[in-house]
């Protein structure tokens, strides 16, 4: 059981204190309720660009990383379709420095042409290296617009195209910052050997004067039900053929979400899983094959993907995957197989709870979703699953007309 205390500042910043007396390290996690889904269709990649801009200097701190290194801290950040998250681990005696660092860049970034150009160049290079010039790197640039036609999940976090970042102006950047990077659009969680009252006092001291802007109202288009199979065939300079099959799934926390997640564990968690055992070891069709979920706050995707063994046809590989999916629809998962995967989920959860940063990040995320206490109850949604629940969800998900299929062929 994870214990915590909560407090909300007058400007709307939600603050969570998780006291852990068994460590001399602190973890500081600041999560903003903004991701790629909040971008305009003609200005994508901004949320990710901001992840980089936040390290480019702020009102009173020219070099964030230099200060962090001096106090022995480690920091990083990530952006996805739903959130942007910044985190810092540090010696416990440097707690107030962590507050100073993060509050200053929420107060005001270094809005300068130089900072924008530096970070723009970094993001463009990342776009080219990771997505355009790497084998299979452009998978999400192709698969998302194949699976989504209306919802902004149809573009990847990096953006739809390089030109959107190339054309970003300083005014665009300022508008994005003052809309989304405000205290009432964020959750702060601090974990470590700190008294909650001290955390709340420091939050008031360093964040309390930062003005709120009013949380932006989302009016995202709902993705219509997919009624016909979609397929794209790509030929590219990749080592081997690869296959990607995507199915729309329930949003995080909605009915059916946990059953869908468990189905991917049954399919591909470990070398005793169905896809590995049958399609890699026994039939020799794939060199690797995986099933996983995107786990997004709106309706996400369940993916089955794999790289084919040379000489195996795409048709044979796809048929083999459909056979495994249909097996889940037609046969109940044995209780012992379900229990094995349940045990693995629980073990992973228990291990994650031993690490302060994981706890801080999860507390912030559940709070952002509207239910902090779900951190202690979410596992129960897995524990109560039955073989029939998995079969029912498989029958709902794995329908041919609901599949978006990307065939990736290696050049001859």
Protein backbone atom coordinates (compact mmCIF):
# COMPACT_ATOMS: atom_id res chain seq x y z
CA UNK A 1 0.00 0.00 0.00
CA UNK A 2 1.45 3.33 -1.09
CA UNK A 3 0.66 6.14 1.34
CA UNK A 4 0.68 9.79 0.34
CA UNK A 5 -0.72 13.20 1.19
CA UNK A 6 -2.20 15.71 -1.24
CA UNK A 7 -2.50 19.46 -1.31
CA UNK A 8 -3.63 21.89 -4.01
CA UNK A 9 -2.19 25.40 -4.20
CA UNK A 10 -4.42 28.39 -4.84
CA UNK A 11 -3.11 28.56 -8.43
CA UNK A 12 -4.29 25.01 -9.07
CA UNK A 13 -1.01 23.10 -8.83
CA UNK A 14 -1.74 19.67 -7.39
CA UNK A 15 1.03 18.55 -5.01
CA UNK A 16 1.54 15.02 -3.72
CA UNK A 17 4.00 14.04 -0.99
CA UNK A 18 5.15 10.44 -0.67
CA UNK A 19 7.32 9.94 2.39
CA UNK A 20 9.93 7.18 2.24
CA UNK A 21 12.26 7.13 5.25
CA UNK A 22 14.31 4.21 3.86
CA UNK A 23 16.25 6.31 1.36
CA UNK A 24 18.44 9.37 1.27
CA UNK A 25 17.47 10.16 -2.30
CA UNK A 26 14.67 12.41 -3.38
CA UNK A 27 12.56 12.08 -6.53
CA UNK A 28 10.84 15.12 -8.02
CA UNK A 29 8.29 14.47 -10.76
CA UNK A 30 6.43 17.27 -12.55
CA UNK A 31 3.83 16.11 -15.05
CA UNK A 32 2.04 18.44 -17.45
CA UNK A 33 -1.35 17.55 -18.89
CA UNK A 34 -0.28 18.16 -22.47
CA UNK A 35 0.86 15.83 -25.22
CA UNK A 36 0.80 15.40 -28.96
CA UNK A 37 -3.00 15.05 -28.96
CA UNK A 38 -3.24 18.73 -27.90
CA UNK A 39 -1.48 20.02 -31.01
CA UNK A 40 -3.01 21.52 -34.12
CA UNK A 41 -2.91 19.34 -37.23
CA UNK A 42 -0.72 21.88 -39.03
CA UNK A 43 1.59 22.46 -36.04
CA UNK A 44 2.55 19.02 -34.77
CA UNK A 45 5.61 18.05 -32.76
CA UNK A 46 5.27 21.08 -30.45
CA UNK A 47 4.84 19.09 -27.23
CA UNK A 48 8.06 17.22 -27.95
CA UNK A 49 9.83 20.41 -29.01
CA UNK A 50 8.89 21.87 -25.63
CA UNK A 51 10.43 18.94 -23.81
CA UNK A 52 13.73 20.12 -25.33
CA UNK A 53 13.09 23.84 -24.87
CA UNK A 54 12.57 23.30 -21.14
CA UNK A 55 16.26 22.42 -20.85
CA UNK A 56 17.40 25.44 -22.86
CA UNK A 57 17.43 27.96 -20.03
CA UNK A 58 14.83 29.82 -17.99
CA UNK A 59 14.31 33.26 -16.45
CA UNK A 60 17.01 32.93 -13.78
CA UNK A 61 18.84 29.72 -14.64
CA UNK A 62 20.88 29.81 -17.84
CA UNK A 63 21.84 26.12 -17.82
CA UNK A 64 19.50 23.68 -16.10
CA UNK A 65 21.79 20.67 -16.59
CA UNK A 66 24.83 22.45 -15.18
CA UNK A 67 23.03 23.21 -11.90
CA UNK A 68 21.62 19.69 -11.70
CA UNK A 69 25.06 18.17 -12.17
CA UNK A 70 26.59 20.36 -9.46
CA UNK A 71 24.19 18.99 -6.85
CA UNK A 72 24.65 15.37 -7.97
CA UNK A 73 21.20 15.14 -9.54
CA UNK A 74 20.07 13.15 -12.55
CA UNK A 75 17.26 14.41 -14.71
CA UNK A 76 15.36 13.61 -17.85
CA UNK A 77 11.98 13.99 -19.51
CA UNK A 78 9.66 12.34 -21.99
CA UNK A 79 6.68 13.26 -24.11
CA UNK A 80 3.92 11.03 -25.42
CA UNK A 81 0.50 11.56 -26.95
CA UNK A 82 -1.09 12.43 -23.59
CA UNK A 83 1.48 13.94 -21.23
CA UNK A 84 4.86 15.63 -20.91
CA UNK A 85 6.85 14.54 -17.87
CA UNK A 86 9.96 15.96 -16.19
CA UNK A 87 11.80 14.17 -13.41
CA UNK A 88 14.79 14.66 -11.19
CA UNK A 89 16.51 12.45 -8.63
CA UNK A 90 18.87 14.08 -6.14
CA UNK A 91 20.53 13.77 -2.72
CA UNK A 92 17.87 14.47 -0.10
CA UNK A 93 19.72 17.52 1.22
CA UNK A 94 19.23 19.22 -2.17
CA UNK A 95 15.43 19.20 -2.03
CA UNK A 96 14.99 22.97 -2.22
CA UNK A 97 17.33 23.21 -5.20
CA UNK A 98 15.01 20.84 -7.05
CA UNK A 99 12.07 23.12 -6.28
CA UNK A 100 14.05 26.14 -7.49
CA UNK A 101 15.06 24.45 -10.75
CA UNK A 102 11.59 23.29 -11.72
CA UNK A 103 9.65 26.34 -10.57
CA UNK A 104 11.91 28.71 -12.49
CA UNK A 105 11.27 27.10 -15.83
CA UNK A 106 7.54 26.90 -15.16
CA UNK A 107 7.66 30.61 -14.35
CA UNK A 108 9.25 31.58 -17.66
CA UNK A 109 11.49 29.99 -20.22
CA UNK A 110 14.32 31.76 -21.99
CA UNK A 111 12.26 32.84 -24.97
CA UNK A 112 14.95 33.74 -27.43
CA UNK A 113 15.58 33.10 -31.10
CA UNK A 114 18.87 31.47 -30.16
CA UNK A 115 17.30 28.96 -27.76
CA UNK A 116 14.60 28.10 -30.28
CA UNK A 117 17.10 27.58 -33.08
CA UNK A 118 19.34 25.37 -30.94
CA UNK A 119 16.51 23.12 -29.79
CA UNK A 120 14.84 23.14 -33.20
CA UNK A 121 18.06 21.79 -34.71
CA UNK A 122 18.24 19.07 -32.06
CA UNK A 123 14.66 17.95 -32.69
CA UNK A 124 15.05 18.00 -36.47
CA UNK A 125 18.18 15.88 -36.19
CA UNK A 126 16.32 13.45 -33.91
CA UNK A 127 13.47 13.29 -36.44
CA UNK A 128 15.90 12.40 -39.22
CA UNK A 129 18.08 9.98 -37.27
CA UNK A 130 15.43 8.07 -35.32
CA UNK A 131 12.46 8.20 -37.67
CA UNK A 132 13.62 8.76 -41.24
CA UNK A 133 17.11 7.25 -41.49
CA UNK A 134 16.76 4.23 -39.21
CA UNK A 135 15.38 0.86 -40.34
CA UNK A 136 11.71 0.62 -39.34
CA UNK A 137 12.05 4.08 -37.75
CA UNK A 138 9.07 5.50 -39.64
CA UNK A 139 6.66 2.78 -38.50
CA UNK A 140 4.60 5.14 -36.34
CA UNK A 141 4.64 7.81 -39.03
CA UNK A 142 2.83 5.32 -41.24
CA UNK A 143 0.85 3.20 -38.78
CA UNK A 144 -0.85 5.99 -36.83
CA UNK A 145 -2.46 7.70 -39.85
CA UNK A 146 -3.47 4.25 -41.09
CA UNK A 147 -5.27 3.39 -37.84
CA UNK A 148 -6.65 6.86 -37.01
CA UNK A 149 -8.58 9.10 -39.38
CA UNK A 150 -10.04 11.77 -37.05
CA UNK A 151 -8.39 11.70 -33.61
CA UNK A 152 -5.04 13.51 -33.16
CA UNK A 153 -3.45 10.19 -32.24
CA UNK A 154 -3.07 9.96 -36.01
CA UNK A 155 0.32 11.67 -35.76
CA UNK A 156 3.38 10.54 -33.83
CA UNK A 157 4.82 12.48 -30.89
CA UNK A 158 7.74 13.65 -33.02
CA UNK A 159 5.20 15.27 -35.39
CA UNK A 160 3.75 14.58 -38.81
CA UNK A 161 6.60 16.10 -40.78
CA UNK A 162 9.85 17.97 -40.24
CA UNK A 163 8.46 21.17 -41.76
CA UNK A 164 6.16 21.74 -38.78
CA UNK A 165 9.20 22.12 -36.53
CA UNK A 166 11.18 24.02 -39.14
CA UNK A 167 8.38 26.60 -39.42
CA UNK A 168 7.73 27.04 -35.69
CA UNK A 169 7.99 30.71 -34.68
CA UNK A 170 8.84 32.26 -31.36
CA UNK A 171 5.25 33.48 -31.07
CA UNK A 172 4.01 29.91 -31.64
CA UNK A 173 6.30 28.74 -28.86
CA UNK A 174 5.17 31.41 -26.39
CA UNK A 175 1.49 30.71 -27.09
CA UNK A 176 1.97 26.98 -26.48
CA UNK A 177 3.88 27.60 -23.25
CA UNK A 178 1.40 30.01 -21.68
CA UNK A 179 -1.52 27.79 -22.64
CA UNK A 180 -0.23 24.48 -21.31
CA UNK A 181 2.76 25.02 -19.00
CA UNK A 182 0.81 26.53 -16.14
CA UNK A 183 0.46 25.29 -12.54
CA UNK A 184 -3.25 24.45 -12.94
CA UNK A 185 -2.32 22.12 -15.80
CA UNK A 186 0.30 20.17 -13.85
CA UNK A 187 0.80 17.67 -11.04
CA UNK A 188 3.88 17.68 -8.82
CA UNK A 189 4.87 14.63 -6.79
CA UNK A 190 7.88 14.45 -4.48
CA UNK A 191 9.09 11.18 -2.97
CA UNK A 192 11.79 10.75 -0.36
CA UNK A 193 12.55 11.09 3.37
CA UNK A 194 10.64 14.35 3.62
CA UNK A 195 7.82 15.44 5.88
CA UNK A 196 4.71 16.16 3.76
CA UNK A 197 4.21 19.51 5.51
CA UNK A 198 7.72 20.54 4.40
CA UNK A 199 6.95 19.53 0.79
CA UNK A 200 3.76 21.58 0.78
CA UNK A 201 5.52 24.59 2.31
CA UNK A 202 8.25 24.48 -0.34
CA UNK A 203 5.65 24.09 -3.06
CA UNK A 204 3.91 27.21 -1.83
CA UNK A 205 7.21 29.10 -1.59
CA UNK A 206 8.48 28.25 -5.06
CA UNK A 207 5.32 27.67 -7.12
CA UNK A 208 2.63 29.60 -5.26
CA UNK A 209 3.17 32.92 -7.05
CA UNK A 210 3.14 31.49 -10.58
CA UNK A 211 -0.15 32.57 -12.13
CA UNK A 212 -2.72 30.10 -13.38
CA UNK A 213 -4.07 30.48 -16.88
CA UNK A 214 -7.23 28.37 -16.74
CA UNK A 215 -6.90 24.78 -17.90
CA UNK A 216 -7.48 24.49 -21.65
CA UNK A 217 -10.71 22.69 -22.56
CA UNK A 218 -10.22 19.67 -24.78
CA UNK A 219 -12.68 19.10 -27.58
CA UNK A 220 -10.98 16.25 -29.38
CA UNK A 221 -12.76 14.51 -32.25
CA UNK A 222 -13.92 10.99 -31.48
CA UNK A 223 -12.41 8.35 -33.71
CA UNK A 224 -15.28 6.62 -35.58
CA UNK A 225 -15.60 2.86 -35.36
CA UNK A 226 -13.48 1.11 -37.95
CA UNK A 227 -15.72 -0.91 -40.25
CA UNK A 228 -13.28 -2.04 -42.95
CA UNK A 229 -9.77 -3.44 -42.85
CA UNK A 230 -6.99 -1.06 -43.82
CA UNK A 231 -3.68 -2.12 -45.31
CA UNK A 232 -0.53 -0.37 -46.46
CA UNK A 233 2.38 -2.09 -48.20
CA UNK A 234 5.81 -0.48 -47.95
CA UNK A 235 9.08 -1.46 -49.58
CA UNK A 236 12.16 -0.02 -47.92
CA UNK A 237 15.83 -0.56 -47.14
CA UNK A 238 15.34 -2.74 -44.07
CA UNK A 239 17.11 -5.98 -43.10
CA UNK A 240 14.04 -8.29 -43.23
CA UNK A 241 10.32 -8.14 -43.86
CA UNK A 242 8.18 -7.04 -40.91
CA UNK A 243 4.46 -7.13 -40.16
CA UNK A 244 2.42 -4.78 -37.95
CA UNK A 245 -1.23 -5.37 -37.06
CA UNK A 246 -3.13 -2.75 -35.04
CA UNK A 247 -6.54 -3.03 -33.36
CA UNK A 248 -8.42 -0.23 -31.58
CA UNK A 249 -8.83 -0.86 -27.87
CA UNK A 250 -10.51 0.82 -24.86
CA UNK A 251 -9.00 3.93 -23.31
CA UNK A 252 -6.91 3.57 -20.16
CA UNK A 253 -9.09 2.73 -17.18
CA UNK A 254 -12.21 2.03 -19.24
CA UNK A 255 -14.05 -1.33 -19.23
CA UNK A 256 -12.07 -3.88 -21.21
CA UNK A 257 -8.74 -2.08 -20.84
CA UNK A 258 -7.24 -4.48 -18.31
CA UNK A 259 -8.47 -7.56 -20.18
CA UNK A 260 -6.85 -6.21 -23.35
CA UNK A 261 -3.59 -5.62 -21.52
CA UNK A 262 -3.69 -9.15 -20.12
CA UNK A 263 -4.28 -10.58 -23.60
CA UNK A 264 -0.97 -9.11 -24.77
CA UNK A 265 0.77 -10.76 -21.81
CA UNK A 266 -0.73 -14.11 -22.74
CA UNK A 267 0.42 -13.59 -26.30
CA UNK A 268 3.96 -12.39 -25.81
CA UNK A 269 5.19 -11.96 -22.23
CA UNK A 270 8.39 -13.98 -22.03
CA UNK A 271 9.70 -16.99 -23.90
CA UNK A 272 6.92 -19.25 -22.65
CA UNK A 273 4.28 -17.01 -24.23
CA UNK A 274 2.13 -18.19 -27.09
CA UNK A 275 3.55 -16.16 -29.94
CA UNK A 276 7.17 -16.86 -29.07
CA UNK A 277 6.66 -20.54 -28.39
CA UNK A 278 4.56 -21.27 -31.48
CA UNK A 279 5.64 -18.78 -34.11
CA UNK A 280 9.33 -18.43 -33.24
CA UNK A 281 10.37 -21.75 -31.69
CA UNK A 282 7.97 -24.29 -33.21
CA UNK A 283 7.04 -22.91 -36.63
CA UNK A 284 10.11 -20.78 -37.27
CA UNK A 285 8.15 -18.02 -39.01
CA UNK A 286 9.42 -15.01 -37.04
CA UNK A 287 12.80 -14.11 -35.57
CA UNK A 288 10.91 -11.98 -33.05
CA UNK A 289 7.24 -11.28 -32.44
CA UNK A 290 5.51 -9.11 -29.83
CA UNK A 291 2.10 -7.96 -28.67
CA UNK A 292 1.67 -4.76 -26.66
CA UNK A 293 -0.68 -1.86 -26.04
CA UNK A 294 -0.13 1.87 -26.38
CA UNK A 295 -2.09 2.46 -23.14
CA UNK A 296 -3.38 5.90 -23.97
CA UNK A 297 -5.96 8.05 -22.22
CA UNK A 298 -8.27 7.97 -25.22
CA UNK A 299 -8.90 4.85 -27.27
CA UNK A 300 -5.47 3.39 -28.00
CA UNK A 301 -4.09 0.50 -30.00
CA UNK A 302 -3.19 -3.12 -29.41
CA UNK A 303 -0.26 -4.02 -31.64
CA UNK A 304 1.01 -7.37 -32.82
CA UNK A 305 4.30 -7.02 -34.67
CA UNK A 306 7.13 -9.21 -35.79
CA UNK A 307 10.13 -9.58 -38.07
CA UNK A 308 9.88 -12.49 -40.49
CA UNK A 309 12.50 -15.18 -40.99
CA UNK A 310 14.00 -14.91 -44.48
CA UNK A 311 12.04 -16.95 -47.00
CA UNK A 312 8.74 -16.79 -45.08
CA UNK A 313 5.97 -15.12 -47.06
CA UNK A 314 3.96 -12.25 -45.62
CA UNK A 315 0.76 -14.22 -46.21
CA UNK A 316 1.97 -17.21 -44.18
CA UNK A 317 3.19 -14.97 -41.36
CA UNK A 318 -0.09 -13.06 -41.16
CA UNK A 319 -2.15 -16.26 -41.27
CA UNK A 320 -0.15 -17.65 -38.35
CA UNK A 321 -0.88 -14.55 -36.25
CA UNK A 322 -4.59 -14.66 -37.10
CA UNK A 323 -4.65 -18.31 -36.03
CA UNK A 324 -3.33 -17.37 -32.60
CA UNK A 325 -5.79 -14.51 -32.25
CA UNK A 326 -8.66 -16.76 -33.25
CA UNK A 327 -7.50 -19.35 -30.73
CA UNK A 328 -8.08 -16.75 -28.02
CA UNK A 329 -11.57 -16.15 -29.42
CA UNK A 330 -12.50 -19.83 -29.59
CA UNK A 331 -10.78 -21.36 -26.55
CA UNK A 332 -10.64 -20.26 -22.92
CA UNK A 333 -7.19 -19.39 -21.60
CA UNK A 334 -6.34 -22.07 -19.01
CA UNK A 335 -6.56 -20.75 -15.46
CA UNK A 336 -2.93 -21.66 -14.72
CA UNK A 337 -1.76 -19.63 -17.74
CA UNK A 338 -3.81 -16.67 -16.58
CA UNK A 339 -2.43 -17.01 -13.05
CA UNK A 340 1.16 -17.15 -14.30
CA UNK A 341 0.76 -13.84 -16.09
CA UNK A 342 -1.08 -12.35 -13.13
CA UNK A 343 1.85 -13.29 -10.89
CA UNK A 344 4.27 -11.58 -13.29
CA UNK A 345 2.20 -8.39 -13.32
CA UNK A 346 2.11 -8.36 -9.53
CA UNK A 347 5.86 -8.97 -9.27
CA UNK A 348 6.57 -6.09 -11.63
CA UNK A 349 4.26 -3.86 -9.63
CA UNK A 350 5.89 -4.74 -6.30
CA UNK A 351 9.35 -4.11 -7.74
CA UNK A 352 8.34 -0.72 -9.14
CA UNK A 353 7.07 0.32 -5.71
CA UNK A 354 10.59 0.00 -4.29
CA UNK A 355 11.84 2.84 -6.47
CA UNK A 356 10.92 6.37 -5.43
CA UNK A 357 10.93 7.80 -8.94
CA UNK A 358 8.49 5.16 -10.20
CA UNK A 359 6.17 5.85 -7.29
CA UNK A 360 6.32 9.61 -7.85
CA UNK A 361 5.67 9.22 -11.56
CA UNK A 362 2.73 6.86 -11.04
CA UNK A 363 1.17 9.02 -8.34
CA UNK A 364 1.35 12.01 -10.68
CA UNK A 365 -0.14 10.05 -13.55
CA UNK A 366 -3.08 8.61 -11.61
CA UNK A 367 -3.78 12.07 -10.22
CA UNK A 368 -3.79 13.51 -13.71
CA UNK A 369 -6.33 10.84 -14.65
CA UNK A 370 -8.52 11.95 -11.75
CA UNK A 371 -8.03 9.11 -9.25
CA UNK A 372 -4.81 9.14 -7.20
CA UNK A 373 -5.95 6.17 -5.10
CA UNK A 374 -6.06 4.02 -8.23
CA UNK A 375 -2.35 3.45 -7.65
CA UNK A 376 -3.39 1.10 -4.84
CA UNK A 377 -6.42 -0.45 -6.52
CA UNK A 378 -5.51 -0.80 -10.19
CA UNK A 379 -4.08 -4.30 -9.76
CA UNK A 380 -7.46 -5.54 -8.53
CA UNK A 381 -8.81 -5.01 -12.05
CA UNK A 382 -6.32 -7.66 -13.20
CA UNK A 383 -6.84 -9.96 -10.24
CA UNK A 384 -10.57 -10.40 -10.93
CA UNK A 385 -10.16 -11.24 -14.63
CA UNK A 386 -11.47 -14.65 -15.69
CA UNK A 387 -10.73 -16.77 -18.76
CA UNK A 388 -14.18 -15.84 -20.02
CA UNK A 389 -13.36 -12.14 -19.71
CA UNK A 390 -10.30 -12.63 -21.92
CA UNK A 391 -12.27 -14.61 -24.48
CA UNK A 392 -15.02 -11.99 -24.65
CA UNK A 393 -12.47 -9.21 -25.13
CA UNK A 394 -10.61 -11.18 -27.81
CA UNK A 395 -13.87 -11.69 -29.69
CA UNK A 396 -14.52 -7.95 -29.55
CA UNK A 397 -11.01 -6.88 -30.58
CA UNK A 398 -9.71 -9.31 -33.15
CA UNK A 399 -12.10 -8.85 -36.01
CA UNK A 400 -10.62 -8.64 -39.54
CA UNK A 401 -12.57 -5.49 -40.41
CA UNK A 402 -11.11 -3.74 -37.36
CA UNK A 403 -7.48 -4.41 -38.28
CA UNK A 404 -5.01 -1.87 -39.68
CA UNK A 405 -2.14 -3.82 -41.25
CA UNK A 406 1.23 -2.50 -42.32
CA UNK A 407 3.42 -4.78 -44.43
CA UNK A 408 7.06 -3.79 -44.44
CA UNK A 409 8.98 -5.46 -47.27
CA UNK A 410 12.73 -5.44 -47.59
CA UNK A 411 14.08 -4.32 -50.94
CA UNK A 412 15.16 -7.23 -53.12
